[in-house]
Every structure is written in C-alpha cells, then in structure tokens.
Amino acid sequence: ITLSTIGVGLDADQELLRQLADMGAGRYYDGSDPFDLPKLLVKETLE
C-alpha cells in the first residue's frame, strides 16, 4: 500500500506530510489554497 499526502490549509505540517509521502512511496501536494484541492486529487489519481 502506497501513501500520498495533501496538506490542507496554511498551517499544515508540510515537513511531516512530505516525510509521510516519502516513506509511503507517494507524493506530497501543497493544498494551502482550497480551490486547488480538486485539481490535486485529479493529478494524483492520474499519477
């Protein structure tokens, strides 16, 4: 099972989420702009 992360909000712990994605052989996405969330989910789904 692989893991990707999307950090939601301006206060997201980006370092932790990057580490989790790295450990999970996935990708990290910065979702600080809530309007980007649908685009990020589609991008990850395509990957």
ModelCIF file with pLDDT and N, C-alpha, C, O atoms, coordinates in Angstrom:
data_MODEL
#
_entry.id   MODEL 
#
_entity.id                         1 
_entity.type                       polymer 
_entity.pdbx_number_of_molecules   1 
#
_entity_poly.entity_id                      1 
_entity_poly.type                           'polypeptide(L)' 
_entity_poly.nstd_linkage                   no 
_entity_poly.nstd_monomer                   no 
_entity_poly.pdbx_seq_one_letter_code       ITLSTIGVGLDADQELLRQLADMGAGRYYDGSDPFDLPKLLVKETLE 
_entity_poly.pdbx_seq_one_letter_code_can   ITLSTIGVGLDADQELLRQLADMGAGRYYDGSDPFDLPKLLVKETLE 
_entity_poly.pdbx_strand_id                 A 
#
loop_
_entity_poly_seq.entity_id 
_entity_poly_seq.num 
_entity_poly_seq.mon_id 
_entity_poly_seq.hetero 
1 1  ILE n 
1 2  THR n 
1 3  LEU n 
1 4  SER n 
1 5  THR n 
1 6  ILE n 
1 7  GLY n 
1 8  VAL n 
1 9  GLY n 
1 10 LEU n 
1 11 ASP n 
1 12 ALA n 
1 13 ASP n 
1 14 GLN n 
1 15 GLU n 
1 16 LEU n 
1 17 LEU n 
1 18 ARG n 
1 19 GLN n 
1 20 LEU n 
1 21 ALA n 
1 22 ASP n 
1 23 MET n 
1 24 GLY n 
1 25 ALA n 
1 26 GLY n 
1 27 ARG n 
1 28 TYR n 
1 29 TYR n 
1 30 ASP n 
1 31 GLY n 
1 32 SER n 
1 33 ASP n 
1 34 PRO n 
1 35 PHE n 
1 36 ASP n 
1 37 LEU n 
1 38 PRO n 
1 39 LYS n 
1 40 LEU n 
1 41 LEU n 
1 42 VAL n 
1 43 LYS n 
1 44 GLU n 
1 45 THR n 
1 46 LEU n 
1 47 GLU n 
#
_struct_asym.id          A 
_struct_asym.entity_id   1 
#
loop_
_ma_qa_metric.id 
_ma_qa_metric.mode 
_ma_qa_metric.name 
_ma_qa_metric.software_group_id 
_ma_qa_metric.type 
1 global pLDDT . pLDDT 
2 local  pLDDT . pLDDT 
#
_ma_qa_metric_global.metric_id      1 
_ma_qa_metric_global.metric_value   93.19 
_ma_qa_metric_global.model_id       1 
_ma_qa_metric_global.ordinal_id     1 
#
loop_
_ma_qa_metric_local.label_asym_id 
_ma_qa_metric_local.label_comp_id 
_ma_qa_metric_local.label_seq_id 
_ma_qa_metric_local.metric_id 
_ma_qa_metric_local.metric_value 
_ma_qa_metric_local.model_id 
_ma_qa_metric_local.ordinal_id 
A ILE 1  2 93.00 1 1  
A THR 2  2 93.00 1 2  
A LEU 3  2 95.00 1 3  
A SER 4  2 95.00 1 4  
A THR 5  2 95.00 1 5  
A ILE 6  2 95.00 1 6  
A GLY 7  2 95.00 1 7  
A VAL 8  2 93.00 1 8  
A GLY 9  2 90.00 1 9  
A LEU 10 2 90.00 1 10 
A ASP 11 2 90.00 1 11 
A ALA 12 2 91.00 1 12 
A ASP 13 2 92.00 1 13 
A GLN 14 2 92.00 1 14 
A GLU 15 2 92.00 1 15 
A LEU 16 2 91.00 1 16 
A LEU 17 2 93.00 1 17 
A ARG 18 2 95.00 1 18 
A GLN 19 2 93.00 1 19 
A LEU 20 2 93.00 1 20 
A ALA 21 2 95.00 1 21 
A ASP 22 2 95.00 1 22 
A MET 23 2 94.00 1 23 
A GLY 24 2 93.00 1 24 
A ALA 25 2 93.00 1 25 
A GLY 26 2 94.00 1 26 
A ARG 27 2 95.00 1 27 
A TYR 28 2 96.00 1 28 
A TYR 29 2 96.00 1 29 
A ASP 30 2 95.00 1 30 
A GLY 31 2 94.00 1 31 
A SER 32 2 92.00 1 32 
A ASP 33 2 92.00 1 33 
A PRO 34 2 89.00 1 34 
A PHE 35 2 93.00 1 35 
A ASP 36 2 94.00 1 36 
A LEU 37 2 94.00 1 37 
A PRO 38 2 94.00 1 38 
A LYS 39 2 95.00 1 39 
A LEU 40 2 95.00 1 40 
A LEU 41 2 94.00 1 41 
A VAL 42 2 94.00 1 42 
A LYS 43 2 94.00 1 43 
A GLU 44 2 93.00 1 44 
A THR 45 2 91.00 1 45 
A LEU 46 2 91.00 1 46 
A GLU 47 2 89.00 1 47 
#
loop_
_atom_site.group_PDB 
_atom_site.id 
_atom_site.type_symbol 
_atom_site.label_atom_id 
_atom_site.label_alt_id 
_atom_site.label_comp_id 
_atom_site.label_asym_id 
_atom_site.label_entity_id 
_atom_site.label_seq_id 
_atom_site.pdbx_PDB_ins_code 
_atom_site.Cartn_x 
_atom_site.Cartn_y 
_atom_site.Cartn_z 
_atom_site.occupancy 
_atom_site.B_iso_or_equiv 
_atom_site.pdbx_formal_charge 
_atom_site.auth_seq_id 
_atom_site.auth_comp_id 
_atom_site.auth_asym_id 
_atom_site.auth_atom_id 
_atom_site.pdbx_PDB_model_num 
ATOM 1   N N  . ILE A 1 1  ? 0.857  -1.181 0.000   1.00 93.00 ? 1  ILE A N  1 
ATOM 2   C CA . ILE A 1 1  ? 0.000  0.000  0.000   1.00 93.00 ? 1  ILE A CA 1 
ATOM 3   C C  . ILE A 1 1  ? 0.899  1.239  0.000   1.00 93.00 ? 1  ILE A C  1 
ATOM 4   O O  . ILE A 1 1  ? 1.804  1.360  0.826   1.00 93.00 ? 1  ILE A O  1 
ATOM 5   N N  . THR A 1 2  ? 0.642  2.149  -0.927  1.00 93.00 ? 2  THR A N  1 
ATOM 6   C CA . THR A 1 2  ? 1.409  3.384  -1.004  1.00 93.00 ? 2  THR A CA 1 
ATOM 7   C C  . THR A 1 2  ? 0.576  4.531  -0.441  1.00 93.00 ? 2  THR A C  1 
ATOM 8   O O  . THR A 1 2  ? -0.636 4.411  -0.264  1.00 93.00 ? 2  THR A O  1 
ATOM 9   N N  . LEU A 1 3  ? 1.253  5.650  -0.163  1.00 95.00 ? 3  LEU A N  1 
ATOM 10  C CA . LEU A 1 3  ? 0.609  6.775  0.509   1.00 95.00 ? 3  LEU A CA 1 
ATOM 11  C C  . LEU A 1 3  ? 1.084  8.094  -0.079  1.00 95.00 ? 3  LEU A C  1 
ATOM 12  O O  . LEU A 1 3  ? 2.286  8.342  -0.176  1.00 95.00 ? 3  LEU A O  1 
ATOM 13  N N  . SER A 1 4  ? 0.142  8.933  -0.467  1.00 95.00 ? 4  SER A N  1 
ATOM 14  C CA . SER A 1 4  ? 0.428  10.319 -0.832  1.00 95.00 ? 4  SER A CA 1 
ATOM 15  C C  . SER A 1 4  ? -0.321 11.214 0.138   1.00 95.00 ? 4  SER A C  1 
ATOM 16  O O  . SER A 1 4  ? -1.323 10.809 0.727   1.00 95.00 ? 4  SER A O  1 
ATOM 17  N N  . THR A 1 5  ? 0.173  12.438 0.300   1.00 95.00 ? 5  THR A N  1 
ATOM 18  C CA . THR A 1 5  ? -0.448 13.355 1.246   1.00 95.00 ? 5  THR A CA 1 
ATOM 19  C C  . THR A 1 5  ? -0.732 14.692 0.583   1.00 95.00 ? 5  THR A C  1 
ATOM 20  O O  . THR A 1 5  ? -0.017 15.126 -0.319  1.00 95.00 ? 5  THR A O  1 
ATOM 21  N N  . ILE A 1 6  ? -1.794 15.332 1.054   1.00 95.00 ? 6  ILE A N  1 
ATOM 22  C CA . ILE A 1 6  ? -2.132 16.688 0.640   1.00 95.00 ? 6  ILE A CA 1 
ATOM 23  C C  . ILE A 1 6  ? -2.296 17.506 1.911   1.00 95.00 ? 6  ILE A C  1 
ATOM 24  O O  . ILE A 1 6  ? -3.162 17.230 2.741   1.00 95.00 ? 6  ILE A O  1 
ATOM 25  N N  . GLY A 1 7  ? -1.440 18.525 2.047   1.00 95.00 ? 7  GLY A N  1 
ATOM 26  C CA . GLY A 1 7  ? -1.506 19.399 3.209   1.00 95.00 ? 7  GLY A CA 1 
ATOM 27  C C  . GLY A 1 7  ? -2.574 20.458 3.001   1.00 95.00 ? 7  GLY A C  1 
ATOM 28  O O  . GLY A 1 7  ? -2.455 21.290 2.101   1.00 95.00 ? 7  GLY A O  1 
ATOM 29  N N  . VAL A 1 8  ? -3.610 20.436 3.820   1.00 93.00 ? 8  VAL A N  1 
ATOM 30  C CA . VAL A 1 8  ? -4.739 21.348 3.680   1.00 93.00 ? 8  VAL A CA 1 
ATOM 31  C C  . VAL A 1 8  ? -4.583 22.513 4.653   1.00 93.00 ? 8  VAL A C  1 
ATOM 32  O O  . VAL A 1 8  ? -4.388 22.308 5.851   1.00 93.00 ? 8  VAL A O  1 
ATOM 33  N N  . GLY A 1 9  ? -4.669 23.711 4.140   1.00 90.00 ? 9  GLY A N  1 
ATOM 34  C CA . GLY A 1 9  ? -4.596 24.898 4.985   1.00 90.00 ? 9  GLY A CA 1 
ATOM 35  C C  . GLY A 1 9  ? -3.197 25.454 5.103   1.00 90.00 ? 9  GLY A C  1 
ATOM 36  O O  . GLY A 1 9  ? -2.210 24.785 4.798   1.00 90.00 ? 9  GLY A O  1 
ATOM 37  N N  . LEU A 1 10 ? -3.133 26.695 5.555   1.00 90.00 ? 10 LEU A N  1 
ATOM 38  C CA . LEU A 1 10 ? -1.849 27.394 5.652   1.00 90.00 ? 10 LEU A CA 1 
ATOM 39  C C  . LEU A 1 10 ? -0.980 26.890 6.795   1.00 90.00 ? 10 LEU A C  1 
ATOM 40  O O  . LEU A 1 10 ? 0.236  27.081 6.783   1.00 90.00 ? 10 LEU A O  1 
ATOM 41  N N  . ASP A 1 11 ? -1.595 26.247 7.783   1.00 90.00 ? 11 ASP A N  1 
ATOM 42  C CA . ASP A 1 11 ? -0.839 25.784 8.949   1.00 90.00 ? 11 ASP A CA 1 
ATOM 43  C C  . ASP A 1 11 ? -0.450 24.313 8.853   1.00 90.00 ? 11 ASP A C  1 
ATOM 44  O O  . ASP A 1 11 ? 0.000  23.729 9.839   1.00 90.00 ? 11 ASP A O  1 
ATOM 45  N N  . ALA A 1 12 ? -0.614 23.716 7.696   1.00 91.00 ? 12 ALA A N  1 
ATOM 46  C CA . ALA A 1 12 ? -0.306 22.287 7.542   1.00 91.00 ? 12 ALA A CA 1 
ATOM 47  C C  . ALA A 1 12 ? 1.154  22.023 7.879   1.00 91.00 ? 12 ALA A C  1 
ATOM 48  O O  . ALA A 1 12 ? 2.036  22.816 7.549   1.00 91.00 ? 12 ALA A O  1 
ATOM 49  N N  . ASP A 1 13 ? 1.390  20.911 8.531   1.00 92.00 ? 13 ASP A N  1 
ATOM 50  C CA . ASP A 1 13 ? 2.752  20.497 8.870   1.00 92.00 ? 13 ASP A CA 1 
ATOM 51  C C  . ASP A 1 13 ? 3.367  19.879 7.611   1.00 92.00 ? 13 ASP A C  1 
ATOM 52  O O  . ASP A 1 13 ? 3.366  18.660 7.440   1.00 92.00 ? 13 ASP A O  1 
ATOM 53  N N  . GLN A 1 14 ? 3.885  20.729 6.749   1.00 92.00 ? 14 GLN A N  1 
ATOM 54  C CA . GLN A 1 14 ? 4.397  20.281 5.457   1.00 92.00 ? 14 GLN A CA 1 
ATOM 55  C C  . GLN A 1 14 ? 5.547  19.301 5.590   1.00 92.00 ? 14 GLN A C  1 
ATOM 56  O O  . GLN A 1 14 ? 5.651  18.358 4.804   1.00 92.00 ? 14 GLN A O  1 
ATOM 57  N N  . GLU A 1 15 ? 6.402  19.507 6.564   1.00 92.00 ? 15 GLU A N  1 
ATOM 58  C CA . GLU A 1 15 ? 7.546  18.605 6.733   1.00 92.00 ? 15 GLU A CA 1 
ATOM 59  C C  . GLU A 1 15 ? 7.078  17.194 7.068   1.00 92.00 ? 15 GLU A C  1 
ATOM 60  O O  . GLU A 1 15 ? 7.555  16.227 6.474   1.00 92.00 ? 15 GLU A O  1 
ATOM 61  N N  . LEU A 1 16 ? 6.152  17.069 8.009   1.00 91.00 ? 16 LEU A N  1 
ATOM 62  C CA . LEU A 1 16 ? 5.614  15.755 8.364   1.00 91.00 ? 16 LEU A CA 1 
ATOM 63  C C  . LEU A 1 16 ? 4.937  15.105 7.162   1.00 91.00 ? 16 LEU A C  1 
ATOM 64  O O  . LEU A 1 16 ? 5.132  13.916 6.908   1.00 91.00 ? 16 LEU A O  1 
ATOM 65  N N  . LEU A 1 17 ? 4.150  15.871 6.428   1.00 93.00 ? 17 LEU A N  1 
ATOM 66  C CA . LEU A 1 17 ? 3.426  15.309 5.287   1.00 93.00 ? 17 LEU A CA 1 
ATOM 67  C C  . LEU A 1 17 ? 4.370  14.908 4.154   1.00 93.00 ? 17 LEU A C  1 
ATOM 68  O O  . LEU A 1 17 ? 4.120  13.920 3.463   1.00 93.00 ? 17 LEU A O  1 
ATOM 69  N N  . ARG A 1 18 ? 5.438  15.655 3.960   1.00 95.00 ? 18 ARG A N  1 
ATOM 70  C CA . ARG A 1 18 ? 6.460  15.261 2.966   1.00 95.00 ? 18 ARG A CA 1 
ATOM 71  C C  . ARG A 1 18 ? 7.126  13.950 3.387   1.00 95.00 ? 18 ARG A C  1 
ATOM 72  O O  . ARG A 1 18 ? 7.327  13.051 2.570   1.00 95.00 ? 18 ARG A O  1 
ATOM 73  N N  . GLN A 1 19 ? 7.462  13.859 4.665   1.00 93.00 ? 19 GLN A N  1 
ATOM 74  C CA . GLN A 1 19 ? 8.097  12.640 5.169   1.00 93.00 ? 19 GLN A CA 1 
ATOM 75  C C  . GLN A 1 19 ? 7.181  11.436 5.007   1.00 93.00 ? 19 GLN A C  1 
ATOM 76  O O  . GLN A 1 19 ? 7.622  10.369 4.580   1.00 93.00 ? 19 GLN A O  1 
ATOM 77  N N  . LEU A 1 20 ? 5.905  11.606 5.346   1.00 93.00 ? 20 LEU A N  1 
ATOM 78  C CA . LEU A 1 20 ? 4.954  10.502 5.194   1.00 93.00 ? 20 LEU A CA 1 
ATOM 79  C C  . LEU A 1 20 ? 4.851  10.067 3.740   1.00 93.00 ? 20 LEU A C  1 
ATOM 80  O O  . LEU A 1 20 ? 4.852  8.871  3.446   1.00 93.00 ? 20 LEU A O  1 
ATOM 81  N N  . ALA A 1 21 ? 4.762  11.024 2.836   1.00 95.00 ? 21 ALA A N  1 
ATOM 82  C CA . ALA A 1 21 ? 4.674  10.692 1.411   1.00 95.00 ? 21 ALA A CA 1 
ATOM 83  C C  . ALA A 1 21 ? 5.940  9.984  0.945   1.00 95.00 ? 21 ALA A C  1 
ATOM 84  O O  . ALA A 1 21 ? 5.866  9.016  0.187   1.00 95.00 ? 21 ALA A O  1 
ATOM 85  N N  . ASP A 1 22 ? 7.094  10.456 1.388   1.00 95.00 ? 22 ASP A N  1 
ATOM 86  C CA . ASP A 1 22 ? 8.358  9.792  1.026   1.00 95.00 ? 22 ASP A CA 1 
ATOM 87  C C  . ASP A 1 22 ? 8.399  8.371  1.562   1.00 95.00 ? 22 ASP A C  1 
ATOM 88  O O  . ASP A 1 22 ? 8.737  7.438  0.832   1.00 95.00 ? 22 ASP A O  1 
ATOM 89  N N  . MET A 1 23 ? 8.057  8.202  2.835   1.00 94.00 ? 23 MET A N  1 
ATOM 90  C CA . MET A 1 23 ? 8.068  6.868  3.435   1.00 94.00 ? 23 MET A CA 1 
ATOM 91  C C  . MET A 1 23 ? 7.037  5.956  2.776   1.00 94.00 ? 23 MET A C  1 
ATOM 92  O O  . MET A 1 23 ? 7.229  4.742  2.705   1.00 94.00 ? 23 MET A O  1 
ATOM 93  N N  . GLY A 1 24 ? 5.946  6.544  2.297   1.00 93.00 ? 24 GLY A N  1 
ATOM 94  C CA . GLY A 1 24 ? 4.882  5.763  1.685   1.00 93.00 ? 24 GLY A CA 1 
ATOM 95  C C  . GLY A 1 24 ? 5.036  5.597  0.182   1.00 93.00 ? 24 GLY A C  1 
ATOM 96  O O  . GLY A 1 24 ? 4.120  5.120  -0.487  1.00 93.00 ? 24 GLY A O  1 
ATOM 97  N N  . ALA A 1 25 ? 6.200  5.990  -0.360  1.00 93.00 ? 25 ALA A N  1 
ATOM 98  C CA . ALA A 1 25 ? 6.480  5.889  -1.804  1.00 93.00 ? 25 ALA A CA 1 
ATOM 99  C C  . ALA A 1 25 ? 5.436  6.632  -2.626  1.00 93.00 ? 25 ALA A C  1 
ATOM 100 O O  . ALA A 1 25 ? 5.060  6.202  -3.716  1.00 93.00 ? 25 ALA A O  1 
ATOM 101 N N  . GLY A 1 26 ? 4.970  7.765  -2.080  1.00 94.00 ? 26 GLY A N  1 
ATOM 102 C CA . GLY A 1 26 ? 3.980  8.574  -2.781  1.00 94.00 ? 26 GLY A CA 1 
ATOM 103 C C  . GLY A 1 26 ? 4.488  9.980  -3.007  1.00 94.00 ? 26 GLY A C  1 
ATOM 104 O O  . GLY A 1 26 ? 5.694  10.216 -3.074  1.00 94.00 ? 26 GLY A O  1 
ATOM 105 N N  . ARG A 1 27 ? 3.566  10.903 -3.124  1.00 95.00 ? 27 ARG A N  1 
ATOM 106 C CA . ARG A 1 27 ? 3.888  12.289 -3.398  1.00 95.00 ? 27 ARG A CA 1 
ATOM 107 C C  . ARG A 1 27 ? 3.219  13.186 -2.354  1.00 95.00 ? 27 ARG A C  1 
ATOM 108 O O  . ARG A 1 27 ? 2.212  12.816 -1.751  1.00 95.00 ? 27 ARG A O  1 
ATOM 109 N N  . TYR A 1 28 ? 3.801  14.368 -2.156  1.00 96.00 ? 28 TYR A N  1 
ATOM 110 C CA . TYR A 1 28 ? 3.211  15.383 -1.291  1.00 96.00 ? 28 TYR A CA 1 
ATOM 111 C C  . TYR A 1 28 ? 2.716  16.531 -2.164  1.00 96.00 ? 28 TYR A C  1 
ATOM 112 O O  . TYR A 1 28 ? 3.382  16.926 -3.122  1.00 96.00 ? 28 TYR A O  1 
ATOM 113 N N  . TYR A 1 29 ? 1.544  17.060 -1.827  1.00 96.00 ? 29 TYR A N  1 
ATOM 114 C CA . TYR A 1 29 ? 0.994  18.212 -2.524  1.00 96.00 ? 29 TYR A CA 1 
ATOM 115 C C  . TYR A 1 29 ? 0.643  19.290 -1.509  1.00 96.00 ? 29 TYR A C  1 
ATOM 116 O O  . TYR A 1 29 ? 0.122  18.995 -0.433  1.00 96.00 ? 29 TYR A O  1 
ATOM 117 N N  . ASP A 1 30 ? 0.929  20.535 -1.855  1.00 95.00 ? 30 ASP A N  1 
ATOM 118 C CA . ASP A 1 30 ? 0.568  21.671 -1.025  1.00 95.00 ? 30 ASP A CA 1 
ATOM 119 C C  . ASP A 1 30 ? -0.850 22.095 -1.390  1.00 95.00 ? 30 ASP A C  1 
ATOM 120 O O  . ASP A 1 30 ? -1.092 22.610 -2.482  1.00 95.00 ? 30 ASP A O  1 
ATOM 121 N N  . GLY A 1 31 ? -1.781 21.874 -0.469  1.00 94.00 ? 31 GLY A N  1 
ATOM 122 C CA . GLY A 1 31 ? -3.167 22.237 -0.701  1.00 94.00 ? 31 GLY A CA 1 
ATOM 123 C C  . GLY A 1 31 ? -3.579 23.438 0.126   1.00 94.00 ? 31 GLY A C  1 
ATOM 124 O O  . GLY A 1 31 ? -4.705 23.499 0.618   1.00 94.00 ? 31 GLY A O  1 
ATOM 125 N N  . SER A 1 32 ? -2.670 24.400 0.284   1.00 92.00 ? 32 SER A N  1 
ATOM 126 C CA . SER A 1 32 ? -2.978 25.559 1.115   1.00 92.00 ? 32 SER A CA 1 
ATOM 127 C C  . SER A 1 32 ? -4.112 26.394 0.517   1.00 92.00 ? 32 SER A C  1 
ATOM 128 O O  . SER A 1 32 ? -4.826 27.084 1.245   1.00 92.00 ? 32 SER A O  1 
ATOM 129 N N  . ASP A 1 33 ? -4.277 26.333 -0.798  1.00 92.00 ? 33 ASP A N  1 
ATOM 130 C CA . ASP A 1 33 ? -5.403 27.010 -1.451  1.00 92.00 ? 33 ASP A CA 1 
ATOM 131 C C  . ASP A 1 33 ? -6.520 25.987 -1.641  1.00 92.00 ? 33 ASP A C  1 
ATOM 132 O O  . ASP A 1 33 ? -6.368 25.060 -2.436  1.00 92.00 ? 33 ASP A O  1 
ATOM 133 N N  . PRO A 1 34 ? -7.630 26.132 -0.937  1.00 89.00 ? 34 PRO A N  1 
ATOM 134 C CA . PRO A 1 34 ? -8.697 25.125 -1.015  1.00 89.00 ? 34 PRO A CA 1 
ATOM 135 C C  . PRO A 1 34 ? -9.256 24.949 -2.421  1.00 89.00 ? 34 PRO A C  1 
ATOM 136 O O  . PRO A 1 34 ? -9.810 23.896 -2.738  1.00 89.00 ? 34 PRO A O  1 
ATOM 137 N N  . PHE A 1 35 ? -9.120 25.951 -3.255  1.00 93.00 ? 35 PHE A N  1 
ATOM 138 C CA . PHE A 1 35 ? -9.606 25.840 -4.628  1.00 93.00 ? 35 PHE A CA 1 
ATOM 139 C C  . PHE A 1 35 ? -8.741 24.897 -5.464  1.00 93.00 ? 35 PHE A C  1 
ATOM 140 O O  . PHE A 1 35 ? -9.164 24.454 -6.531  1.00 93.00 ? 35 PHE A O  1 
ATOM 141 N N  . ASP A 1 36 ? -7.536 24.590 -4.987  1.00 94.00 ? 36 ASP A N  1 
ATOM 142 C CA . ASP A 1 36 ? -6.634 23.671 -5.690  1.00 94.00 ? 36 ASP A CA 1 
ATOM 143 C C  . ASP A 1 36 ? -6.924 22.202 -5.378  1.00 94.00 ? 36 ASP A C  1 
ATOM 144 O O  . ASP A 1 36 ? -6.459 21.321 -6.101  1.00 94.00 ? 36 ASP A O  1 
ATOM 145 N N  . LEU A 1 37 ? -7.681 21.925 -4.322  1.00 94.00 ? 37 LEU A N  1 
ATOM 146 C CA . LEU A 1 37 ? -7.871 20.539 -3.883  1.00 94.00 ? 37 LEU A CA 1 
ATOM 147 C C  . LEU A 1 37 ? -8.430 19.622 -4.969  1.00 94.00 ? 37 LEU A C  1 
ATOM 148 O O  . LEU A 1 37 ? -7.885 18.535 -5.160  1.00 94.00 ? 37 LEU A O  1 
ATOM 149 N N  . PRO A 1 38 ? -9.486 19.998 -5.688  1.00 94.00 ? 38 PRO A N  1 
ATOM 150 C CA . PRO A 1 38 ? -9.967 19.090 -6.752  1.00 94.00 ? 38 PRO A CA 1 
ATOM 151 C C  . PRO A 1 38 ? -8.892 18.797 -7.803  1.00 94.00 ? 38 PRO A C  1 
ATOM 152 O O  . PRO A 1 38 ? -8.747 17.659 -8.247  1.00 94.00 ? 38 PRO A O  1 
ATOM 153 N N  . LYS A 1 39 ? -8.146 19.823 -8.196  1.00 95.00 ? 39 LYS A N  1 
ATOM 154 C CA . LYS A 1 39 ? -7.080 19.654 -9.190  1.00 95.00 ? 39 LYS A CA 1 
ATOM 155 C C  . LYS A 1 39 ? -5.991 18.712 -8.672  1.00 95.00 ? 39 LYS A C  1 
ATOM 156 O O  . LYS A 1 39 ? -5.478 17.878 -9.419  1.00 95.00 ? 39 LYS A O  1 
ATOM 157 N N  . LEU A 1 40 ? -5.642 18.848 -7.395  1.00 95.00 ? 40 LEU A N  1 
ATOM 158 C CA . LEU A 1 40 ? -4.603 17.992 -6.816  1.00 95.00 ? 40 LEU A CA 1 
ATOM 159 C C  . LEU A 1 40 ? -5.058 16.540 -6.741  1.00 95.00 ? 40 LEU A C  1 
ATOM 160 O O  . LEU A 1 40 ? -4.271 15.630 -7.002  1.00 95.00 ? 40 LEU A O  1 
ATOM 161 N N  . LEU A 1 41 ? -6.311 16.318 -6.391  1.00 94.00 ? 41 LEU A N  1 
ATOM 162 C CA . LEU A 1 41 ? -6.835 14.945 -6.342  1.00 94.00 ? 41 LEU A CA 1 
ATOM 163 C C  . LEU A 1 41 ? -6.852 14.317 -7.728  1.00 94.00 ? 41 LEU A C  1 
ATOM 164 O O  . LEU A 1 41 ? -6.512 13.145 -7.882  1.00 94.00 ? 41 LEU A O  1 
ATOM 165 N N  . VAL A 1 42 ? -7.243 15.082 -8.731  1.00 94.00 ? 42 VAL A N  1 
ATOM 166 C CA . VAL A 1 42 ? -7.244 14.561 -10.106 1.00 94.00 ? 42 VAL A CA 1 
ATOM 167 C C  . VAL A 1 42 ? -5.817 14.264 -10.543 1.00 94.00 ? 42 VAL A C  1 
ATOM 168 O O  . VAL A 1 42 ? -5.558 13.228 -11.155 1.00 94.00 ? 42 VAL A O  1 
ATOM 169 N N  . LYS A 1 43 ? -4.894 15.160 -10.235 1.00 94.00 ? 43 LYS A N  1 
ATOM 170 C CA . LYS A 1 43 ? -3.486 14.948 -10.609 1.00 94.00 ? 43 LYS A CA 1 
ATOM 171 C C  . LYS A 1 43 ? -2.953 13.658 -9.986  1.00 94.00 ? 43 LYS A C  1 
ATOM 172 O O  . LYS A 1 43 ? -2.302 12.863 -10.664 1.00 94.00 ? 43 LYS A O  1 
ATOM 173 N N  . GLU A 1 44 ? -3.227 13.449 -8.696  1.00 93.00 ? 44 GLU A N  1 
ATOM 174 C CA . GLU A 1 44 ? -2.737 12.242 -8.024  1.00 93.00 ? 44 GLU A CA 1 
ATOM 175 C C  . GLU A 1 44 ? -3.404 10.992 -8.595  1.00 93.00 ? 44 GLU A C  1 
ATOM 176 O O  . GLU A 1 44 ? -2.750 9.962  -8.758  1.00 93.00 ? 44 GLU A O  1 
ATOM 177 N N  . THR A 1 45 ? -4.677 11.075 -8.893  1.00 91.00 ? 45 THR A N  1 
ATOM 178 C CA . THR A 1 45 ? -5.389 9.940  -9.489  1.00 91.00 ? 45 THR A CA 1 
ATOM 179 C C  . THR A 1 45 ? -4.767 9.564  -10.828 1.00 91.00 ? 45 THR A C  1 
ATOM 180 O O  . THR A 1 45 ? -4.585 8.381  -11.116 1.00 91.00 ? 45 THR A O  1 
ATOM 181 N N  . LEU A 1 46 ? -4.444 10.546 -11.637 1.00 91.00 ? 46 LEU A N  1 
ATOM 182 C CA . LEU A 1 46 ? -3.806 10.276 -12.927 1.00 91.00 ? 46 LEU A CA 1 
ATOM 183 C C  . LEU A 1 46 ? -2.416 9.667  -12.748 1.00 91.00 ? 46 LEU A C  1 
ATOM 184 O O  . LEU A 1 46 ? -2.026 8.779  -13.506 1.00 91.00 ? 46 LEU A O  1 
ATOM 185 N N  . GLU A 1 47 ? -1.672 10.139 -11.753 1.00 89.00 ? 47 GLU A N  1 
ATOM 186 C CA . GLU A 1 47 ? -0.343 9.569  -11.472 1.00 89.00 ? 47 GLU A CA 1 
ATOM 187 C C  . GLU A 1 47 ? -0.458 8.095  -11.095 1.00 89.00 ? 47 GLU A C  1 
ATOM 188 O O  . GLU A 1 47 ? 0.552  7.446  -10.824 1.00 89.00 ? 47 GLU A O  1 
#
